[in-house]
Amino acid sequence: MKVARSASVAKKPVSVEGAKGVGIRVLISKDDGAPTFAMRMFEIEPGGNTPLHRHPHEHEVFVLEGAGVFVHEGQNYPISREDIVFVPGGNEHCFKNTGNSTLRFLCLVPLSGA
């Protein structure tokens, strides 16, 4: 069991090649006893982006604040506060901040993909 404020979880820079201005907070993971899913919060600064990539596991995303573009298989989809995104496994994707403030979203993945 865990109850905490997200701000109490350390934000770490995402240093993967192609990432720009991205931080991550791993809110819930196997370290907390979660057997199936990890919950992560990404924070992308204005003009920043996650790398364009693909992997076998799915993502479930909920946008908390900000504005941006979800790039999926070469198509751009505008995203903003309270939007949801499902990324099937194996699909090429990235997230870009196109706004003037931080783009913040929750991303849930199976632990095999965390």
N, C-alpha and C. Protein backbone atom coordinates (compact mmCIF):
# COMPACT_ATOMS: atom_id res chain seq x y z
N MET A 1 0.85 -1.17 0.00
CA MET A 1 0.00 0.00 0.00
C MET A 1 0.90 1.23 0.00
N LYS A 2 0.44 2.26 -0.70
CA LYS A 2 1.21 3.50 -0.76
C LYS A 2 0.26 4.68 -0.90
N VAL A 3 0.49 5.70 -0.10
CA VAL A 3 -0.21 6.97 -0.24
C VAL A 3 0.87 8.04 -0.17
N ALA A 4 0.97 8.87 -1.20
CA ALA A 4 2.02 9.89 -1.23
C ALA A 4 1.61 11.01 -2.18
N ARG A 5 2.26 12.14 -2.07
CA ARG A 5 2.08 13.25 -3.01
C ARG A 5 3.06 13.03 -4.16
N SER A 6 2.61 13.26 -5.37
CA SER A 6 3.48 13.04 -6.52
C SER A 6 4.74 13.89 -6.45
N ALA A 7 4.64 15.08 -5.89
CA ALA A 7 5.81 15.95 -5.79
C ALA A 7 6.89 15.38 -4.86
N SER A 8 6.52 14.43 -3.99
CA SER A 8 7.50 13.82 -3.10
C SER A 8 8.33 12.74 -3.80
N VAL A 9 7.93 12.36 -5.00
CA VAL A 9 8.67 11.36 -5.78
C VAL A 9 9.68 12.11 -6.65
N ALA A 10 10.93 11.72 -6.55
CA ALA A 10 12.00 12.41 -7.28
C ALA A 10 11.76 12.40 -8.78
N LYS A 11 11.95 13.56 -9.40
CA LYS A 11 11.87 13.65 -10.86
C LYS A 11 13.28 13.44 -11.40
N LYS A 12 13.38 12.54 -12.37
CA LYS A 12 14.67 12.23 -12.98
C LYS A 12 14.63 12.61 -14.46
N PRO A 13 15.72 13.11 -14.99
CA PRO A 13 15.74 13.44 -16.41
C PRO A 13 15.70 12.17 -17.26
N VAL A 14 15.01 12.24 -18.38
CA VAL A 14 15.01 11.15 -19.35
C VAL A 14 16.17 11.43 -20.29
N SER A 15 17.18 10.57 -20.25
CA SER A 15 18.40 10.81 -21.00
C SER A 15 18.55 9.89 -22.21
N VAL A 16 17.45 9.28 -22.63
CA VAL A 16 17.47 8.41 -23.80
C VAL A 16 17.72 9.28 -25.04
N GLU A 17 18.48 8.76 -25.98
CA GLU A 17 18.75 9.50 -27.21
C GLU A 17 17.44 9.93 -27.88
N GLY A 18 17.34 11.20 -28.25
CA GLY A 18 16.15 11.72 -28.89
C GLY A 18 15.21 12.42 -27.95
N ALA A 19 15.38 12.25 -26.62
CA ALA A 19 14.54 12.94 -25.65
C ALA A 19 15.09 14.34 -25.43
N LYS A 20 14.18 15.30 -25.31
CA LYS A 20 14.57 16.70 -25.09
C LYS A 20 13.64 17.32 -24.07
N GLY A 21 14.19 17.78 -22.94
CA GLY A 21 13.39 18.47 -21.94
C GLY A 21 12.35 17.61 -21.26
N VAL A 22 12.67 16.34 -21.01
CA VAL A 22 11.70 15.39 -20.44
C VAL A 22 12.17 14.92 -19.06
N GLY A 23 11.25 14.98 -18.09
CA GLY A 23 11.49 14.42 -16.78
C GLY A 23 10.46 13.34 -16.48
N ILE A 24 10.82 12.41 -15.60
CA ILE A 24 9.90 11.32 -15.25
C ILE A 24 9.90 11.13 -13.74
N ARG A 25 8.71 10.88 -13.20
CA ARG A 25 8.54 10.48 -11.80
C ARG A 25 7.88 9.09 -11.84
N VAL A 26 8.54 8.09 -11.30
CA VAL A 26 7.96 6.75 -11.23
C VAL A 26 7.12 6.72 -9.95
N LEU A 27 5.81 6.87 -10.12
CA LEU A 27 4.90 7.04 -8.98
C LEU A 27 4.60 5.72 -8.28
N ILE A 28 4.36 4.68 -9.06
CA ILE A 28 4.07 3.34 -8.51
C ILE A 28 4.80 2.33 -9.39
N SER A 29 5.49 1.39 -8.74
CA SER A 29 6.25 0.39 -9.48
C SER A 29 6.36 -0.89 -8.66
N LYS A 30 7.13 -1.82 -9.16
CA LYS A 30 7.34 -3.07 -8.43
C LYS A 30 7.99 -2.81 -7.08
N ASP A 31 8.76 -1.71 -6.96
CA ASP A 31 9.37 -1.36 -5.68
C ASP A 31 8.33 -1.05 -4.61
N ASP A 32 7.11 -0.71 -5.05
CA ASP A 32 6.00 -0.43 -4.13
C ASP A 32 5.11 -1.65 -3.92
N GLY A 33 5.46 -2.75 -4.56
CA GLY A 33 4.68 -3.97 -4.44
C GLY A 33 3.65 -4.16 -5.54
N ALA A 34 3.65 -3.28 -6.55
CA ALA A 34 2.69 -3.41 -7.65
C ALA A 34 3.08 -4.62 -8.51
N PRO A 35 2.19 -5.59 -8.68
CA PRO A 35 2.55 -6.80 -9.40
C PRO A 35 2.37 -6.74 -10.92
N THR A 36 1.61 -5.78 -11.41
CA THR A 36 1.23 -5.82 -12.82
C THR A 36 1.59 -4.58 -13.60
N PHE A 37 1.30 -3.38 -13.06
CA PHE A 37 1.49 -2.13 -13.80
C PHE A 37 2.41 -1.17 -13.05
N ALA A 38 3.03 -0.28 -13.83
CA ALA A 38 3.77 0.86 -13.29
C ALA A 38 3.03 2.13 -13.71
N MET A 39 2.99 3.11 -12.80
CA MET A 39 2.42 4.41 -13.11
C MET A 39 3.55 5.43 -13.09
N ARG A 40 3.71 6.12 -14.21
CA ARG A 40 4.77 7.11 -14.32
C ARG A 40 4.15 8.45 -14.70
N MET A 41 4.77 9.53 -14.26
CA MET A 41 4.32 10.86 -14.66
C MET A 41 5.46 11.50 -15.45
N PHE A 42 5.16 11.85 -16.69
CA PHE A 42 6.13 12.53 -17.54
C PHE A 42 5.85 14.02 -17.52
N GLU A 43 6.91 14.81 -17.52
CA GLU A 43 6.83 16.26 -17.57
C GLU A 43 7.74 16.72 -18.70
N ILE A 44 7.13 17.31 -19.72
CA ILE A 44 7.88 17.75 -20.90
C ILE A 44 7.83 19.27 -20.96
N GLU A 45 9.00 19.88 -20.99
CA GLU A 45 9.10 21.34 -21.05
C GLU A 45 8.69 21.85 -22.43
N PRO A 46 8.29 23.13 -22.54
CA PRO A 46 7.93 23.69 -23.84
C PRO A 46 9.05 23.45 -24.87
N GLY A 47 8.66 22.97 -26.04
CA GLY A 47 9.62 22.66 -27.09
C GLY A 47 10.28 21.30 -26.96
N GLY A 48 9.97 20.59 -25.87
CA GLY A 48 10.58 19.28 -25.64
C GLY A 48 9.78 18.15 -26.23
N ASN A 49 10.36 16.95 -26.19
CA ASN A 49 9.69 15.77 -26.74
C ASN A 49 10.31 14.49 -26.19
N THR A 50 9.50 13.44 -26.19
CA THR A 50 10.03 12.10 -25.95
C THR A 50 10.60 11.61 -27.28
N PRO A 51 11.47 10.62 -27.26
CA PRO A 51 12.02 10.13 -28.53
C PRO A 51 10.96 9.37 -29.33
N LEU A 52 11.09 9.41 -30.64
CA LEU A 52 10.24 8.59 -31.50
C LEU A 52 10.74 7.16 -31.36
N HIS A 53 9.86 6.26 -30.92
CA HIS A 53 10.29 4.89 -30.62
C HIS A 53 9.11 3.93 -30.71
N ARG A 54 9.42 2.66 -30.58
CA ARG A 54 8.41 1.60 -30.50
C ARG A 54 8.93 0.51 -29.57
N HIS A 55 8.02 -0.25 -28.99
CA HIS A 55 8.34 -1.37 -28.10
C HIS A 55 7.13 -2.28 -28.04
N PRO A 56 7.29 -3.49 -27.54
CA PRO A 56 6.19 -4.46 -27.59
C PRO A 56 5.03 -4.18 -26.64
N HIS A 57 5.23 -3.39 -25.60
CA HIS A 57 4.15 -3.19 -24.62
C HIS A 57 3.29 -1.97 -24.93
N GLU A 58 2.09 -2.00 -24.42
CA GLU A 58 1.12 -0.91 -24.60
C GLU A 58 1.38 0.22 -23.60
N HIS A 59 0.77 1.38 -23.85
CA HIS A 59 0.72 2.51 -22.91
C HIS A 59 -0.73 2.92 -22.74
N GLU A 60 -1.08 3.35 -21.55
CA GLU A 60 -2.32 4.06 -21.31
C GLU A 60 -1.92 5.42 -20.74
N VAL A 61 -2.39 6.50 -21.37
CA VAL A 61 -1.94 7.85 -21.02
C VAL A 61 -3.14 8.73 -20.67
N PHE A 62 -2.97 9.56 -19.64
CA PHE A 62 -3.97 10.56 -19.26
C PHE A 62 -3.23 11.89 -19.12
N VAL A 63 -3.64 12.88 -19.91
CA VAL A 63 -2.99 14.19 -19.89
C VAL A 63 -3.53 15.00 -18.72
N LEU A 64 -2.63 15.43 -17.84
CA LEU A 64 -3.00 16.21 -16.66
C LEU A 64 -3.04 17.70 -16.96
N GLU A 65 -2.06 18.19 -17.71
CA GLU A 65 -2.03 19.61 -18.03
C GLU A 65 -1.10 19.86 -19.21
N GLY A 66 -1.30 21.02 -19.84
CA GLY A 66 -0.46 21.41 -20.96
C GLY A 66 -1.09 21.06 -22.29
N ALA A 67 -0.31 21.30 -23.34
CA ALA A 67 -0.78 21.03 -24.70
C ALA A 67 0.38 20.47 -25.50
N GLY A 68 0.03 19.61 -26.43
CA GLY A 68 1.07 19.02 -27.25
C GLY A 68 0.51 18.24 -28.40
N VAL A 69 1.37 17.40 -28.94
CA VAL A 69 1.03 16.54 -30.06
C VAL A 69 1.48 15.13 -29.73
N PHE A 70 0.60 14.18 -29.96
CA PHE A 70 0.94 12.76 -29.89
C PHE A 70 1.20 12.32 -31.32
N VAL A 71 2.40 11.84 -31.58
CA VAL A 71 2.75 11.36 -32.92
C VAL A 71 2.63 9.84 -32.90
N HIS A 72 1.79 9.31 -33.79
CA HIS A 72 1.53 7.87 -33.84
C HIS A 72 1.60 7.40 -35.28
N GLU A 73 2.58 6.54 -35.55
CA GLU A 73 2.74 5.97 -36.90
C GLU A 73 2.72 7.07 -37.97
N GLY A 74 3.42 8.19 -37.71
CA GLY A 74 3.55 9.27 -38.68
C GLY A 74 2.42 10.28 -38.71
N GLN A 75 1.38 10.07 -37.91
CA GLN A 75 0.25 11.00 -37.86
C GLN A 75 0.32 11.82 -36.56
N ASN A 76 -0.03 13.10 -36.64
CA ASN A 76 -0.04 13.98 -35.47
C ASN A 76 -1.46 14.13 -34.92
N TYR A 77 -1.59 14.01 -33.60
CA TYR A 77 -2.87 14.17 -32.92
C TYR A 77 -2.69 15.18 -31.80
N PRO A 78 -3.42 16.31 -31.85
CA PRO A 78 -3.32 17.29 -30.76
C PRO A 78 -3.82 16.67 -29.46
N ILE A 79 -3.13 16.99 -28.36
CA ILE A 79 -3.56 16.52 -27.03
C ILE A 79 -3.50 17.69 -26.05
N SER A 80 -4.39 17.64 -25.07
CA SER A 80 -4.39 18.65 -24.01
C SER A 80 -5.07 18.06 -22.77
N ARG A 81 -5.20 18.89 -21.77
CA ARG A 81 -5.72 18.48 -20.46
C ARG A 81 -6.96 17.59 -20.57
N GLU A 82 -6.90 16.49 -19.84
CA GLU A 82 -7.96 15.49 -19.71
C GLU A 82 -8.16 14.61 -20.94
N ASP A 83 -7.27 14.71 -21.92
CA ASP A 83 -7.32 13.77 -23.05
C ASP A 83 -6.74 12.43 -22.62
N ILE A 84 -7.19 11.38 -23.27
CA ILE A 84 -6.65 10.04 -23.04
C ILE A 84 -6.03 9.55 -24.34
N VAL A 85 -5.00 8.70 -24.20
CA VAL A 85 -4.31 8.14 -25.35
C VAL A 85 -4.04 6.67 -25.05
N PHE A 86 -4.36 5.81 -25.99
CA PHE A 86 -3.98 4.40 -25.90
C PHE A 86 -2.97 4.14 -27.01
N VAL A 87 -1.80 3.64 -26.64
CA VAL A 87 -0.75 3.32 -27.60
C VAL A 87 -0.60 1.80 -27.64
N PRO A 88 -1.03 1.15 -28.71
CA PRO A 88 -0.85 -0.30 -28.80
C PRO A 88 0.63 -0.67 -28.86
N GLY A 89 0.96 -1.83 -28.37
CA GLY A 89 2.33 -2.32 -28.45
C GLY A 89 2.79 -2.42 -29.90
N GLY A 90 4.06 -2.12 -30.11
CA GLY A 90 4.65 -2.24 -31.44
C GLY A 90 4.46 -1.04 -32.34
N ASN A 91 3.70 -0.03 -31.89
CA ASN A 91 3.42 1.16 -32.71
C ASN A 91 4.45 2.25 -32.44
N GLU A 92 4.94 2.89 -33.50
CA GLU A 92 5.89 3.99 -33.37
C GLU A 92 5.16 5.23 -32.85
N HIS A 93 5.76 5.90 -31.86
CA HIS A 93 5.09 7.03 -31.22
C HIS A 93 6.06 7.94 -30.48
N CYS A 94 5.60 9.15 -30.21
CA CYS A 94 6.28 10.07 -29.31
C CYS A 94 5.30 11.15 -28.88
N PHE A 95 5.69 11.92 -27.88
CA PHE A 95 4.90 13.03 -27.37
C PHE A 95 5.73 14.30 -27.49
N LYS A 96 5.11 15.37 -27.98
CA LYS A 96 5.79 16.66 -28.14
C LYS A 96 5.01 17.74 -27.41
N ASN A 97 5.72 18.62 -26.72
CA ASN A 97 5.09 19.76 -26.08
C ASN A 97 5.09 20.92 -27.08
N THR A 98 3.90 21.35 -27.48
CA THR A 98 3.77 22.46 -28.42
C THR A 98 3.23 23.72 -27.73
N GLY A 99 3.06 23.64 -26.41
CA GLY A 99 2.49 24.75 -25.67
C GLY A 99 3.55 25.62 -25.02
N ASN A 100 3.09 26.53 -24.16
CA ASN A 100 3.96 27.46 -23.46
C ASN A 100 4.19 27.09 -22.00
N SER A 101 3.64 25.96 -21.58
CA SER A 101 3.83 25.49 -20.21
C SER A 101 4.15 24.01 -20.25
N THR A 102 4.46 23.44 -19.11
CA THR A 102 4.82 22.02 -19.02
C THR A 102 3.66 21.14 -19.48
N LEU A 103 3.97 20.15 -20.31
CA LEU A 103 3.02 19.10 -20.68
C LEU A 103 3.25 17.97 -19.68
N ARG A 104 2.23 17.67 -18.89
CA ARG A 104 2.35 16.66 -17.83
C ARG A 104 1.29 15.59 -18.07
N PHE A 105 1.73 14.32 -18.07
CA PHE A 105 0.77 13.23 -18.26
C PHE A 105 1.17 12.00 -17.48
N LEU A 106 0.15 11.23 -17.09
CA LEU A 106 0.36 9.93 -16.49
C LEU A 106 0.48 8.90 -17.60
N CYS A 107 1.37 7.94 -17.40
CA CYS A 107 1.57 6.87 -18.36
C CYS A 107 1.64 5.57 -17.60
N LEU A 108 0.72 4.67 -17.89
CA LEU A 108 0.70 3.36 -17.24
C LEU A 108 1.17 2.30 -18.23
N VAL A 109 2.05 1.45 -17.77
CA VAL A 109 2.60 0.38 -18.60
C VAL A 109 2.67 -0.90 -17.80
N PRO A 110 2.62 -2.05 -18.48
CA PRO A 110 2.84 -3.30 -17.75
C PRO A 110 4.26 -3.32 -17.20
N LEU A 111 4.45 -3.94 -16.07
CA LEU A 111 5.77 -3.96 -15.45
C LEU A 111 6.84 -4.55 -16.37
N SER A 112 6.45 -5.39 -17.28
CA SER A 112 7.44 -5.94 -18.22
C SER A 112 7.99 -4.85 -19.12
N GLY A 113 7.30 -3.70 -19.20
CA GLY A 113 7.76 -2.61 -20.04
C GLY A 113 8.29 -1.41 -19.28
N ALA A 114 8.28 -1.50 -17.95
CA ALA A 114 8.70 -0.32 -17.15
C ALA A 114 10.20 -0.19 -17.10
